[in-house]
N, C-alpha and C. Protein backbone atom coordinates (compact mmCIF):
# COMPACT_ATOMS: atom_id res chain seq x y z
N MET A 1 11.19 -5.87 -8.84
CA MET A 1 10.21 -6.55 -9.74
C MET A 1 9.04 -5.61 -9.78
N PRO A 2 8.35 -5.01 -10.29
CA PRO A 2 7.15 -3.92 -10.56
C PRO A 2 6.20 -4.62 -10.02
N VAL A 3 5.15 -3.71 -9.25
CA VAL A 3 3.89 -4.47 -8.81
C VAL A 3 2.85 -3.65 -9.53
N HIS A 4 2.29 -4.99 -9.99
CA HIS A 4 1.04 -4.69 -10.60
C HIS A 4 -0.15 -4.13 -9.88
N LEU A 5 -0.91 -3.33 -10.05
CA LEU A 5 -1.69 -2.98 -9.51
C LEU A 5 -3.00 -3.50 -9.59
N MET A 6 -3.52 -3.99 -10.65
CA MET A 6 -4.13 -4.88 -11.13
C MET A 6 -4.38 -6.42 -10.75
N ASP A 7 -3.01 -7.11 -10.27
CA ASP A 7 -2.99 -8.33 -9.49
C ASP A 7 -3.31 -8.07 -7.93
N LEU A 8 -3.45 -6.57 -7.36
CA LEU A 8 -3.26 -7.00 -5.90
C LEU A 8 -4.67 -7.16 -5.45
N GLN A 9 -4.78 -7.77 -4.00
CA GLN A 9 -6.00 -8.44 -3.64
C GLN A 9 -5.76 -7.99 -1.74
N PRO A 10 -6.89 -7.59 -1.80
CA PRO A 10 -7.06 -6.94 -0.27
C PRO A 10 -6.50 -7.91 1.16
N GLY A 11 -5.64 -7.14 1.42
CA GLY A 11 -5.13 -8.06 2.75
C GLY A 11 -3.56 -7.83 2.28
N GLN A 12 -3.09 -7.70 1.30
CA GLN A 12 -1.70 -7.79 0.69
C GLN A 12 -1.12 -6.09 1.28
N ARG A 13 0.24 -6.27 1.84
CA ARG A 13 0.16 -5.14 2.21
C ARG A 13 1.72 -4.41 1.43
N LEU A 14 1.81 -3.15 1.15
CA LEU A 14 2.77 -2.19 0.29
C LEU A 14 3.52 -1.68 1.00
N VAL A 15 4.62 -1.29 0.12
CA VAL A 15 5.65 -0.42 0.62
C VAL A 15 5.70 1.06 -0.33
N LEU A 16 5.63 2.18 0.42
CA LEU A 16 5.29 3.30 -0.17
C LEU A 16 6.43 4.17 -0.46
N LYS A 17 6.47 4.77 -1.27
CA LYS A 17 7.36 6.14 -1.48
C LYS A 17 7.81 6.62 -0.26
N ASN A 18 6.69 7.06 0.66
CA ASN A 18 7.08 7.84 1.74
C ASN A 18 7.84 7.09 2.67
N LYS A 19 7.88 5.57 2.33
CA LYS A 19 8.29 4.26 3.85
C LYS A 19 7.36 4.18 4.28
N ALA A 20 5.84 4.67 4.29
CA ALA A 20 4.86 3.80 5.00
C ALA A 20 4.62 2.43 4.62
N ILE A 21 3.92 1.68 5.66
CA ILE A 21 3.29 0.41 5.00
C ILE A 21 1.97 0.57 5.06
N ALA A 22 1.08 -0.04 3.62
CA ALA A 22 -0.27 0.41 3.92
C ALA A 22 -1.29 -1.09 3.52
N GLU A 23 -1.81 -1.43 3.84
CA GLU A 23 -2.46 -2.67 3.62
C GLU A 23 -3.44 -2.21 2.44
N VAL A 24 -3.32 -2.78 1.31
CA VAL A 24 -4.71 -3.01 0.58
C VAL A 24 -6.37 -3.26 0.92
N ILE A 25 -7.25 -2.42 1.07
CA ILE A 25 -8.30 -2.66 1.70
C ILE A 25 -9.08 -3.16 0.23
N ASP A 26 -9.19 -2.37 -1.09
CA ASP A 26 -9.98 -2.32 -2.17
C ASP A 26 -9.47 -2.45 -3.40
N ASN A 27 -9.67 -2.87 -4.28
CA ASN A 27 -8.67 -3.05 -5.37
C ASN A 27 -9.90 -2.42 -6.62
N MET A 28 -9.71 -1.03 -7.30
CA MET A 28 -10.57 -0.75 -8.25
C MET A 28 -10.56 -1.22 -9.20
N GLY A 29 -9.62 -1.73 -10.03
CA GLY A 29 -9.40 -3.06 -10.92
C GLY A 29 -9.21 -2.14 -12.00
N ASP A 30 -8.76 -0.74 -11.71
CA ASP A 30 -8.05 -0.05 -12.97
C ASP A 30 -6.61 0.00 -13.18
N GLY A 31 -5.94 -0.37 -12.54
CA GLY A 31 -4.35 -0.62 -12.65
C GLY A 31 -3.65 0.55 -11.78
N ILE A 32 -4.71 1.61 -11.55
CA ILE A 32 -4.02 2.69 -11.09
C ILE A 32 -4.41 3.31 -9.73
N TRP A 33 -5.51 2.79 -9.18
CA TRP A 33 -5.45 3.06 -7.89
C TRP A 33 -6.02 2.20 -6.80
N VAL A 34 -5.69 2.28 -5.84
CA VAL A 34 -6.17 1.12 -4.70
C VAL A 34 -6.50 1.77 -3.39
N GLN A 35 -7.47 1.08 -2.77
CA GLN A 35 -7.58 2.01 -1.56
C GLN A 35 -6.70 1.16 -0.81
N VAL A 36 -6.32 2.06 0.56
CA VAL A 36 -5.25 1.44 1.69
C VAL A 36 -5.53 1.78 2.74
N ARG A 37 -4.83 0.69 3.64
CA ARG A 37 -5.32 1.73 5.41
C ARG A 37 -3.72 1.80 5.47
N TYR A 38 -3.56 3.09 6.07
CA TYR A 38 -1.98 2.70 6.73
C TYR A 38 -1.89 2.15 7.97
N LEU A 39 -0.87 1.24 7.80
CA LEU A 39 -0.48 0.63 9.44
C LEU A 39 0.35 1.03 9.77
N GLU A 40 1.79 1.71 9.26
CA GLU A 40 2.88 2.33 9.71
C GLU A 40 3.34 3.50 9.02
N SER A 41 4.13 4.28 9.91
CA SER A 41 4.56 5.39 9.06
C SER A 41 5.00 6.37 10.13
N ALA A 42 6.76 6.13 10.07
CA ALA A 42 7.47 6.85 10.77
C ALA A 42 7.64 8.07 10.70
N ALA A 43 7.33 8.60 9.38
CA ALA A 43 7.45 9.97 9.04
C ALA A 43 6.28 10.82 9.64
N ASP A 44 5.33 9.91 9.78
CA ASP A 44 3.94 10.75 10.11
C ASP A 44 3.03 9.98 10.86
N PRO A 45 3.40 9.63 11.92
CA PRO A 45 2.49 8.43 13.05
C PRO A 45 0.53 8.61 12.69
N SER A 46 0.45 9.96 12.45
CA SER A 46 -0.86 10.04 12.68
C SER A 46 -1.69 9.77 11.49
N ILE A 47 -0.83 9.37 10.56
CA ILE A 47 -1.93 8.65 9.32
C ILE A 47 -2.16 7.34 9.64
N VAL A 48 -1.55 6.58 10.68
CA VAL A 48 -1.70 5.17 11.06
C VAL A 48 -3.14 4.95 10.90
N GLY A 49 -3.90 4.02 10.31
CA GLY A 49 -5.16 3.87 10.68
C GLY A 49 -6.27 4.27 9.66
N ASP A 50 -5.35 5.62 8.79
CA ASP A 50 -6.24 6.53 7.89
C ASP A 50 -6.14 5.35 6.67
N GLU A 51 -7.33 5.76 5.83
CA GLU A 51 -7.89 5.27 4.69
C GLU A 51 -7.92 5.80 3.55
N GLU A 52 -7.21 5.74 2.04
CA GLU A 52 -7.21 6.82 1.51
C GLU A 52 -6.87 5.96 0.05
N LEU A 53 -7.15 6.90 -1.32
CA LEU A 53 -7.05 6.35 -2.61
C LEU A 53 -5.33 6.50 -2.58
N CYS A 54 -4.65 5.12 -2.68
CA CYS A 54 -3.35 5.22 -3.48
C CYS A 54 -2.94 5.20 -4.64
N HIS A 55 -2.11 6.00 -5.51
CA HIS A 55 -1.94 6.17 -7.09
C HIS A 55 -0.66 5.09 -7.21
N CYS A 56 -0.76 4.55 -8.10
CA CYS A 56 0.29 3.67 -8.60
C CYS A 56 1.90 3.76 -8.70
N GLU A 57 2.13 5.40 -8.63
CA GLU A 57 3.23 6.32 -8.93
C GLU A 57 3.61 6.11 -7.73
N GLU A 58 3.12 5.73 -6.20
CA GLU A 58 3.46 5.90 -5.08
C GLU A 58 4.12 4.79 -4.67
N VAL A 59 3.57 3.40 -4.90
CA VAL A 59 4.25 2.23 -4.71
C VAL A 59 5.58 1.78 -5.21
N VAL A 60 6.29 1.28 -3.90
CA VAL A 60 7.74 0.97 -4.22
C VAL A 60 7.19 -0.75 -4.56
N GLY A 61 6.96 -1.12 -3.54
CA GLY A 61 6.73 -2.48 -3.66
C GLY A 61 5.95 -3.15 -2.81
N LEU A 62 5.61 -4.60 -3.02
CA LEU A 62 5.02 -5.52 -2.32
C LEU A 62 5.64 -5.89 -0.86
N LEU A 63 5.13 -5.89 0.13
CA LEU A 63 5.70 -6.54 1.58
C LEU A 63 5.36 -7.55 1.59
N GLU A 64 6.43 -8.76 1.30
CA GLU A 64 6.02 -10.18 1.08
C GLU A 64 5.67 -10.60 2.81
N ALA A 65 4.92 -11.44 3.05
CA ALA A 65 4.08 -11.96 4.29
C ALA A 65 5.66 -12.49 4.88
N GLY A 66 5.62 -12.11 6.27
CA GLY A 66 6.52 -12.43 7.49
C GLY A 66 8.41 -11.65 7.27
N SER A 67 8.24 -10.69 6.13
CA SER A 67 9.18 -9.54 6.25
C SER A 67 9.12 -8.51 6.50
N ALA A 68 10.18 -7.57 6.96
CA ALA A 68 10.20 -6.74 7.74
C ALA A 68 10.32 -5.28 6.68
N ALA A 69 9.81 -4.19 6.80
CA ALA A 69 10.02 -3.10 6.36
C ALA A 69 11.38 -3.14 6.34
């Protein structure tokens, strides 16, 4: 099921193409970009804690509460 960025709320967690887990901290409301904070990244641990804009094409799915990546 695709993730619709328009529906995302702060606090929701996303799985990204690079297999990182990011938390939504702001939704621009344009359906294209959300501001995220990286929570996990096995490929590049140095980005954990960083905040940046995330494009809709980078999002693989929504990480449901209580599920593991």
